[in-house]
Protein backbone atom coordinates (compact mmCIF):
# COMPACT_ATOMS: atom_id res chain seq x y z
CA MET A 1 -14.26 30.32 -24.44
CA SER A 2 -17.55 28.76 -25.03
CA HIS A 3 -18.75 25.32 -24.33
CA SER A 4 -21.58 23.29 -25.92
CA PRO A 5 -24.67 22.83 -23.70
CA HIS A 6 -24.68 19.93 -21.15
CA PRO A 7 -26.36 17.06 -22.42
CA THR A 8 -30.29 16.90 -21.53
CA THR A 9 -30.96 13.23 -22.22
CA ALA A 10 -29.33 10.18 -21.34
CA GLN A 11 -29.75 8.44 -24.61
CA PRO A 12 -26.77 9.22 -27.07
CA PRO A 13 -27.36 8.87 -30.80
CA ARG A 14 -27.89 5.48 -32.24
CA ALA A 15 -24.40 5.64 -34.08
CA THR A 16 -22.53 6.77 -31.05
CA THR A 17 -24.30 3.78 -29.15
CA ARG A 18 -23.02 1.22 -31.80
CA ARG A 19 -19.48 2.60 -31.72
CA ARG A 20 -19.41 2.58 -28.02
CA ASN A 21 -20.77 -1.07 -27.82
CA ALA A 22 -18.27 -2.06 -30.35
CA GLY A 23 -15.46 -0.48 -28.45
CA ASN A 24 -16.79 -2.27 -25.08
CA ARG A 25 -16.75 -5.55 -26.98
CA ALA A 26 -13.29 -5.03 -28.29
CA ALA A 27 -11.93 -4.26 -24.90
CA LEU A 28 -13.71 -7.22 -23.22
CA ALA A 29 -12.25 -9.46 -25.75
CA PHE A 30 -8.79 -8.00 -25.28
CA CYS A 31 -9.13 -8.37 -21.56
CA LEU A 32 -10.14 -12.06 -21.75
CA CYS A 33 -7.30 -12.96 -24.14
CA VAL A 34 -4.92 -11.05 -21.63
CA GLY A 35 -6.40 -12.81 -18.70
CA GLY A 36 -6.24 -16.34 -20.52
CA GLY A 37 -2.62 -15.62 -21.34
CA ALA A 38 -1.79 -14.77 -17.77
CA LEU A 39 -3.43 -17.69 -16.49
CA THR A 40 -1.59 -19.92 -18.84
CA PHE A 41 1.69 -18.35 -17.73
CA LEU A 42 0.84 -18.89 -14.02
CA LEU A 43 -0.10 -22.42 -14.36
CA LEU A 44 3.16 -23.19 -16.47
CA ARG A 45 5.15 -21.24 -13.74
CA ASP A 46 3.72 -22.78 -10.94
CA PRO A 47 1.62 -26.11 -11.84
CA ALA A 48 0.49 -26.44 -8.06
CA LEU A 49 -2.12 -23.84 -8.73
CA LEU A 50 -4.04 -26.57 -10.22
CA ALA A 51 -4.60 -27.88 -6.68
CA TRP A 52 -7.34 -26.24 -4.78
CA SER A 53 -5.23 -26.08 -1.58
CA ARG A 54 -2.77 -23.95 -3.48
CA ALA A 55 -5.07 -21.92 -5.72
CA TRP A 56 -7.33 -20.98 -2.90
CA PRO A 57 -5.03 -18.85 -0.60
CA ALA A 58 -2.85 -17.48 -3.48
CA LEU A 59 -5.27 -16.67 -6.12
CA VAL A 60 -8.80 -17.45 -5.76
CA ARG A 61 -9.63 -16.04 -2.28
CA PRO A 62 -7.79 -12.63 -2.92
CA LEU A 63 -9.85 -12.25 -6.24
CA GLY A 64 -12.87 -13.26 -4.51
CA VAL A 65 -12.48 -10.72 -1.81
CA MET A 66 -11.81 -7.93 -4.38
CA LEU A 67 -14.95 -8.83 -6.29
CA LEU A 68 -17.30 -9.02 -3.17
CA SER A 69 -15.82 -5.66 -2.24
CA LEU A 70 -16.42 -4.24 -5.69
CA ALA A 71 -19.99 -5.92 -5.89
CA ALA A 72 -20.89 -3.98 -2.34
CA GLY A 73 -19.63 -0.58 -3.73
CA LEU A 74 -21.64 -1.24 -6.95
CA ALA A 75 -24.71 -2.04 -5.01
CA ALA A 76 -24.25 0.95 -2.66
CA GLY A 77 -23.83 3.24 -5.75
CA LEU A 78 -26.88 2.05 -7.53
CA ALA A 79 -28.92 2.10 -4.25
CA ILE A 80 -27.96 5.62 -3.69
CA GLU A 81 -28.85 6.62 -7.31
CA GLY A 82 -32.17 4.60 -7.64
CA GLY A 83 -33.21 5.31 -4.24
CA GLY A 84 -33.07 9.17 -4.75
CA TRP A 85 -30.35 9.73 -2.10
CA ALA A 86 -27.95 11.23 -4.61
CA PRO A 87 -29.49 14.52 -4.43
CA MET A 88 -29.37 14.68 -0.60
CA LEU A 89 -25.70 13.64 -0.76
CA ALA A 90 -25.18 16.24 -3.23
CA ARG A 91 -26.77 18.94 -1.10
CA LEU A 92 -23.93 18.28 1.67
CA ALA A 93 -21.31 19.25 -0.70
CA SER A 94 -23.41 21.98 -2.75
CA PRO A 95 -21.64 24.96 -1.60
CA VAL A 96 -18.23 23.37 -2.50
CA MET A 97 -19.50 22.12 -5.82
CA ARG A 98 -21.11 25.40 -6.74
CA TRP A 99 -17.70 27.39 -5.93
CA GLY A 100 -16.01 24.85 -8.12
CA ARG A 101 -18.72 24.96 -10.80
CA LEU A 102 -19.15 21.12 -10.82
CA PRO A 103 -22.50 19.29 -11.20
CA GLU A 104 -24.71 17.66 -8.63
CA ALA A 105 -23.58 14.24 -9.50
CA CYS A 106 -19.91 15.16 -8.74
CA GLY A 107 -21.11 16.54 -5.29
CA ALA A 108 -22.93 13.06 -4.52
CA ALA A 109 -19.75 11.05 -5.60
CA PHE A 110 -17.55 13.32 -3.42
CA THR A 111 -19.80 12.95 -0.25
CA THR A 112 -19.82 9.12 -0.98
CA ALA A 113 -16.16 9.00 -1.23
CA PHE A 114 -15.72 9.60 2.58
CA LEU A 115 -17.52 6.27 2.94
CA SER A 116 -16.67 4.07 0.02
CA ALA A 117 -14.33 4.96 -2.86
CA ALA A 118 -15.87 1.94 -4.88
CA ALA A 119 -19.42 3.48 -4.45
CA ALA A 120 -18.13 6.88 -5.18
CA ASN A 121 -16.55 5.74 -8.43
CA SER A 122 -19.68 3.75 -9.36
CA LEU A 123 -21.72 6.81 -8.95
CA LEU A 124 -19.58 8.85 -11.31
CA MET A 125 -19.36 6.18 -14.04
CA GLU A 126 -23.06 5.72 -13.85
CA ALA A 127 -23.72 9.38 -14.19
CA TYR A 128 -21.34 9.62 -17.16
CA ARG A 129 -23.01 6.65 -18.80
CA GLU A 130 -26.47 8.44 -18.58
CA GLY A 131 -25.12 11.55 -19.92
CA ARG A 132 -25.53 13.64 -16.79
CA ILE A 133 -21.73 14.61 -16.60
CA THR A 134 -19.23 14.94 -19.08
CA LEU A 135 -15.99 12.88 -19.33
CA ARG A 136 -13.95 16.02 -18.05
CA GLU A 137 -16.39 16.35 -15.28
CA MET A 138 -15.99 12.63 -14.29
CA ARG A 139 -12.48 12.99 -14.40
CA LEU A 140 -12.47 16.09 -11.98
CA GLY A 141 -14.92 14.41 -9.61
CA TYR A 142 -12.65 11.30 -9.48
CA LEU A 143 -9.59 13.32 -8.73
CA MET A 144 -11.31 15.14 -5.93
CA GLY A 145 -12.55 12.19 -4.24
CA THR A 146 -8.94 10.70 -4.35
CA GLY A 147 -7.67 13.53 -2.33
CA LEU A 148 -9.03 14.31 1.22
CA PRO A 149 -12.00 11.73 1.28
CA VAL A 150 -9.73 8.77 0.74
CA PHE A 151 -7.20 10.12 3.17
CA LEU A 152 -9.68 10.31 5.97
CA LEU A 153 -11.32 7.16 4.95
CA HIS A 154 -8.12 5.22 5.60
CA LEU A 155 -6.86 7.64 8.52
CA PRO A 156 -8.15 5.45 11.45
CA THR A 157 -6.22 2.46 10.14
CA THR A 158 -2.95 4.26 9.17
CA PHE A 159 -3.14 6.36 12.33
CA PHE A 160 -2.90 3.37 14.59
CA ILE A 161 -0.21 1.85 12.77
CA VAL A 162 2.04 4.69 12.25
CA THR A 163 1.93 6.63 15.44
CA PRO A 164 2.76 3.69 17.90
CA LEU A 165 5.91 2.59 15.74
CA ALA A 166 7.22 6.03 14.48
CA ARG A 167 5.82 8.37 17.22
CA GLY A 168 6.55 11.96 16.17
CA ALA A 169 8.04 11.18 12.82
CA GLY A 170 4.75 9.09 12.29
CA VAL A 171 2.60 12.00 13.18
CA THR A 172 4.63 14.34 10.73
CA TYR A 173 4.46 11.74 8.12
CA LEU A 174 0.61 11.72 8.39
CA ALA A 175 0.35 15.62 8.53
CA ILE A 176 2.32 15.96 5.36
CA ASN A 177 0.08 13.40 3.63
CA GLY A 178 -3.01 14.91 4.93
CA LEU A 179 -2.04 18.51 3.78
CA ALA A 180 -1.13 17.12 0.41
CA ALA A 181 -4.59 15.46 0.19
CA LEU A 182 -6.25 18.49 1.16
CA LEU A 183 -4.07 20.40 -1.56
CA ARG A 184 -5.14 17.90 -4.21
CA THR A 185 -8.86 18.58 -3.72
CA VAL A 186 -8.61 22.30 -3.07
CA GLY A 187 -6.31 22.43 -6.37
CA VAL A 188 -8.93 20.42 -8.39
CA LEU A 189 -11.67 22.93 -7.14
CA VAL A 190 -9.64 26.05 -8.08
CA ALA A 191 -8.52 24.58 -11.49
CA THR A 192 -12.29 23.94 -12.25
CA ARG A 193 -13.47 27.32 -11.21
CA LEU A 194 -10.70 29.07 -13.31
CA THR A 195 -11.30 26.71 -16.37
CA THR A 196 -15.16 26.48 -16.38
CA MET A 197 -17.44 29.37 -17.48
CA PRO A 198 -20.11 30.40 -15.04
CA HIS A 199 -22.72 30.26 -17.82
CA THR A 200 -22.00 26.72 -18.54
CA ALA A 201 -21.81 25.07 -15.30
CA GLY A 202 -23.85 27.60 -13.52
CA GLU A 203 -23.71 29.23 -10.08
CA ALA A 204 -26.54 27.00 -8.84
CA PRO A 205 -26.34 23.40 -8.58
CA ARG A 206 -27.44 21.62 -11.78
CA THR A 207 -30.24 19.14 -11.56
CA HIS A 208 -30.39 16.36 -14.11
CA HIS A 209 -33.38 14.03 -14.13
CA THR A 210 -32.85 10.53 -15.04
CA PRO A 211 -35.36 9.22 -17.83
CA ARG A 212 -38.39 7.58 -16.53
CA THR A 213 -37.46 4.19 -18.22
CA ARG A 214 -34.13 4.22 -16.39
CA THR A 215 -35.43 5.29 -12.91
CA LEU A 216 -38.19 2.42 -13.07
CA ARG A 217 -35.75 -0.14 -14.13
CA PRO A 218 -35.39 -2.91 -11.56
CA PHE A 219 -32.40 -2.58 -9.30
CA THR A 220 -31.68 -6.07 -9.54
CA GLU A 221 -31.38 -5.95 -13.36
CA ARG A 222 -29.09 -3.21 -13.26
CA PHE A 223 -26.91 -4.61 -10.65
CA ARG A 224 -26.80 -8.04 -12.69
CA MET A 225 -25.70 -6.26 -15.81
CA ARG A 226 -23.12 -4.02 -14.25
CA LEU A 227 -21.74 -6.77 -11.99
CA THR A 228 -21.37 -9.07 -15.07
CA ARG A 229 -19.39 -6.40 -16.83
CA LEU A 230 -17.33 -5.71 -13.58
CA VAL A 231 -16.42 -9.52 -13.22
CA LEU A 232 -15.58 -9.78 -16.89
CA PHE A 233 -13.18 -7.02 -16.91
CA THR A 234 -11.84 -7.09 -13.42
CA ALA A 235 -10.87 -10.95 -13.13
CA PRO A 236 -8.64 -11.08 -16.33
CA THR A 237 -6.82 -7.80 -15.11
CA TYR A 238 -6.36 -8.98 -11.63
CA LEU A 239 -4.71 -12.14 -13.30
CA LEU A 240 -2.40 -10.05 -15.42
CA MET A 241 -1.42 -8.25 -12.33
CA TYR A 242 -0.80 -11.34 -10.41
CA ALA A 243 1.24 -12.75 -13.21
CA LEU A 244 3.49 -9.47 -13.62
CA HIS A 245 4.06 -9.92 -9.77
CA GLN A 246 5.03 -13.43 -10.06
CA GLY A 247 7.29 -12.82 -12.87
CA GLY A 248 9.18 -10.20 -10.77
CA VAL A 249 8.24 -7.20 -12.94
CA PHE A 250 7.14 -5.05 -9.89
CA ASP A 251 10.22 -6.02 -8.00
CA VAL A 252 12.49 -4.84 -10.56
CA LEU A 253 10.68 -1.42 -10.84
CA ARG A 254 10.51 -0.93 -7.13
CA ASN A 255 14.32 -1.79 -6.68
CA ALA A 256 15.44 0.31 -9.81
CA THR A 257 13.36 3.39 -8.57
CA ALA A 258 14.55 2.83 -4.90
CA HIS A 259 18.19 2.92 -5.82
CA TRP A 260 17.69 5.97 -8.24
CA LEU A 261 15.95 8.05 -5.54
CA THR A 262 18.10 7.27 -2.51
CA ASP A 263 21.59 7.37 -3.97
CA GLY A 264 23.51 10.04 -2.01
CA PHE A 265 20.19 11.53 -0.85
CA LEU A 266 19.78 9.62 2.58
CA PRO A 267 21.98 7.77 4.89
CA VAL A 268 22.54 4.06 4.39
CA GLU A 269 20.50 3.06 7.14
CA ALA A 270 17.33 4.83 5.49
CA ALA A 271 17.78 2.27 2.74
CA GLY A 272 16.36 -0.52 5.24
CA VAL A 273 13.23 1.66 5.50
CA LEU A 274 12.76 2.08 1.79
CA VAL A 275 13.24 -1.62 1.20
CA PHE A 276 10.81 -2.74 3.68
CA SER A 277 8.53 0.09 2.38
CA VAL A 278 8.67 -0.82 -1.29
CA ALA A 279 9.33 -4.61 -1.18
CA SER A 280 6.71 -5.49 1.53
CA GLU A 281 3.59 -3.79 3.11
CA PHE A 282 3.37 -0.40 4.40
CA SER A 283 3.43 -1.44 8.08
CA SER A 284 6.72 -3.12 7.50
CA GLY A 285 8.49 -0.05 6.36
CA VAL A 286 6.99 1.86 9.31
CA ALA A 287 8.14 -0.65 11.70
CA ALA A 288 11.78 -0.53 10.25
CA ALA A 289 11.65 3.12 10.57
CA GLY A 290 10.56 3.16 14.24
CA ALA A 291 13.30 0.67 15.02
CA LEU A 292 15.97 2.83 13.52
CA LEU A 293 14.46 6.03 15.12
CA ALA A 294 14.49 4.41 18.62
CA ALA A 295 18.09 3.04 18.09
CA GLY A 296 19.26 6.67 17.25
CA SER A 297 20.51 5.50 13.66
CA LEU A 298 17.90 8.05 12.05
CA THR A 299 16.96 11.48 13.04
CA THR A 300 13.15 12.47 12.89
CA ARG A 301 13.92 14.46 9.85
CA GLU A 302 15.42 11.55 8.02
CA THR A 303 12.69 9.07 9.06
CA VAL A 304 10.02 11.35 7.76
CA LEU A 305 11.88 11.53 4.46
CA ALA A 306 12.46 7.81 4.30
CA LEU A 307 8.80 7.11 4.88
CA ILE A 308 7.77 9.83 2.31
CA ILE A 309 10.19 8.43 -0.35
CA GLY A 310 9.17 5.00 0.34
CA GLY A 311 5.48 6.10 -0.29
CA ILE A 312 6.18 7.89 -3.50
CA ILE A 313 7.95 4.81 -4.81
CA ALA A 314 5.57 2.14 -3.45
CA THR A 315 2.17 3.69 -3.65
CA PRO A 316 1.88 3.93 -7.49
CA LEU A 317 3.08 0.44 -7.91
CA ARG A 318 0.55 -0.72 -5.26
CA ALA A 319 -2.03 1.34 -6.83
CA ILE A 320 -1.44 -0.48 -10.42
CA ARG A 321 -1.34 -3.80 -8.78
CA HIS A 322 -4.32 -3.74 -6.43
CA GLN A 323 -6.56 -0.83 -7.78
CA PHE A 324 -6.20 -1.15 -11.42
CA PRO A 325 -8.33 -4.46 -11.73
CA ALA A 326 -11.15 -2.75 -9.97
CA HIS A 327 -10.88 0.47 -11.93
CA ALA A 328 -11.12 -1.67 -15.27
CA GLY A 329 -14.18 -3.28 -13.88
CA ILE A 330 -15.94 -0.04 -12.77
CA PHE A 331 -14.79 2.07 -15.52
CA THR A 332 -13.17 0.54 -18.52
CA PRO A 333 -9.51 -0.86 -18.71
CA ALA A 334 -8.20 2.16 -20.83
CA LEU A 335 -10.17 4.98 -18.76
CA GLY A 336 -9.35 3.11 -15.56
CA LEU A 337 -5.91 3.24 -16.26
CA SER A 338 -5.77 6.82 -17.30
CA LEU A 339 -7.74 7.82 -13.96
CA LEU A 340 -5.37 5.83 -11.83
CA VAL A 341 -2.05 7.49 -13.43
CA GLN A 342 -3.63 11.04 -13.19
CA SER A 343 -4.31 10.36 -9.50
CA GLN A 344 -1.00 9.08 -8.61
CA LEU A 345 0.77 11.68 -10.55
CA LEU A 346 -1.14 14.35 -8.64
CA ARG A 347 -0.69 12.70 -5.40
CA ILE A 348 3.12 12.53 -6.05
CA ALA A 349 3.08 16.29 -7.07
CA SER A 350 1.29 17.37 -3.80
CA VAL A 351 3.30 15.23 -1.46
CA VAL A 352 6.48 16.70 -3.03
CA VAL A 353 5.25 20.37 -2.62
CA VAL A 354 4.18 19.76 0.84
CA THR A 355 7.48 18.04 1.72
CA ALA A 356 9.34 20.75 0.18
CA ALA A 357 7.63 23.32 2.16
CA TRP A 358 8.17 21.37 5.54
CA LEU A 359 11.78 21.11 4.77
CA ALA A 360 12.08 24.86 4.00
CA PHE A 361 10.46 25.66 7.24
CA ALA A 362 11.06 23.05 9.71
């Protein structure tokens, strides 16, 4: 199996550029129309949103916090790229990338993902736009970053929520999720090594030089252009997700999935854990699990299973609701949704595999 040579220039053919720009304009027009429709629905459903005292806590502040977080991630990604730090970060992961036959840009994004997922995604998208990595390599780099790096990034917070409330069951739950995250990262590396020819990716890190005109481009100009695009895609998508939430769509999906997965599989008491896990925040489900475990209503094994099933149900829905607007801004709406669905399917598969192994040997 042979592959075409990797792009050596960041400038695509003129016809390809025109098609890409036309596609971006169409996607932006669609997002703005959807966002306008969602905002109209929200105002008709809750006219009080016209008042600042209601709009600020319910809609404006959460959207503002998301945009500020994405702007910080974008700035970090551009600073890493423009400041020449990407090769240094790539060298930290170079042995892993060499073995997996992935390019330098994926190594830089993988290392950055331990600190900021938004910055890592911005690095990947910037490298793809400049032609330094292919779409396939960007997908693989993204999936690697959503494994062990994201788990370790959020571990300090989740550890101090889960262990005091669910004690031993919480530790087991975290261990299963940690092993599943490691399995995802290693699995992507193994898959890329088995499916990429050595002479294509090379056994040594590939170095791609950004054209001089791009390198000398002022940071502020690039940041302004990317931030404008990010806001124009993210804000309408956020409004759509908020409208779907207010319309009860996510509640219907959560309840239907919860009943389907727990019917006859766990004791009735575990339903409370699942209800809190999928209908409220993660900490509520853990608190419910800890209370039932302390009361003796659930065993440690049942508590762990209830938390895992609750995560399988709730995490993809929360990802679509909370992460999709950010992905739509950093990537494109279609590409961001595709990456998000792929990562969640991979996450569910890895958690199921590790849980099955734990049940077999525990």
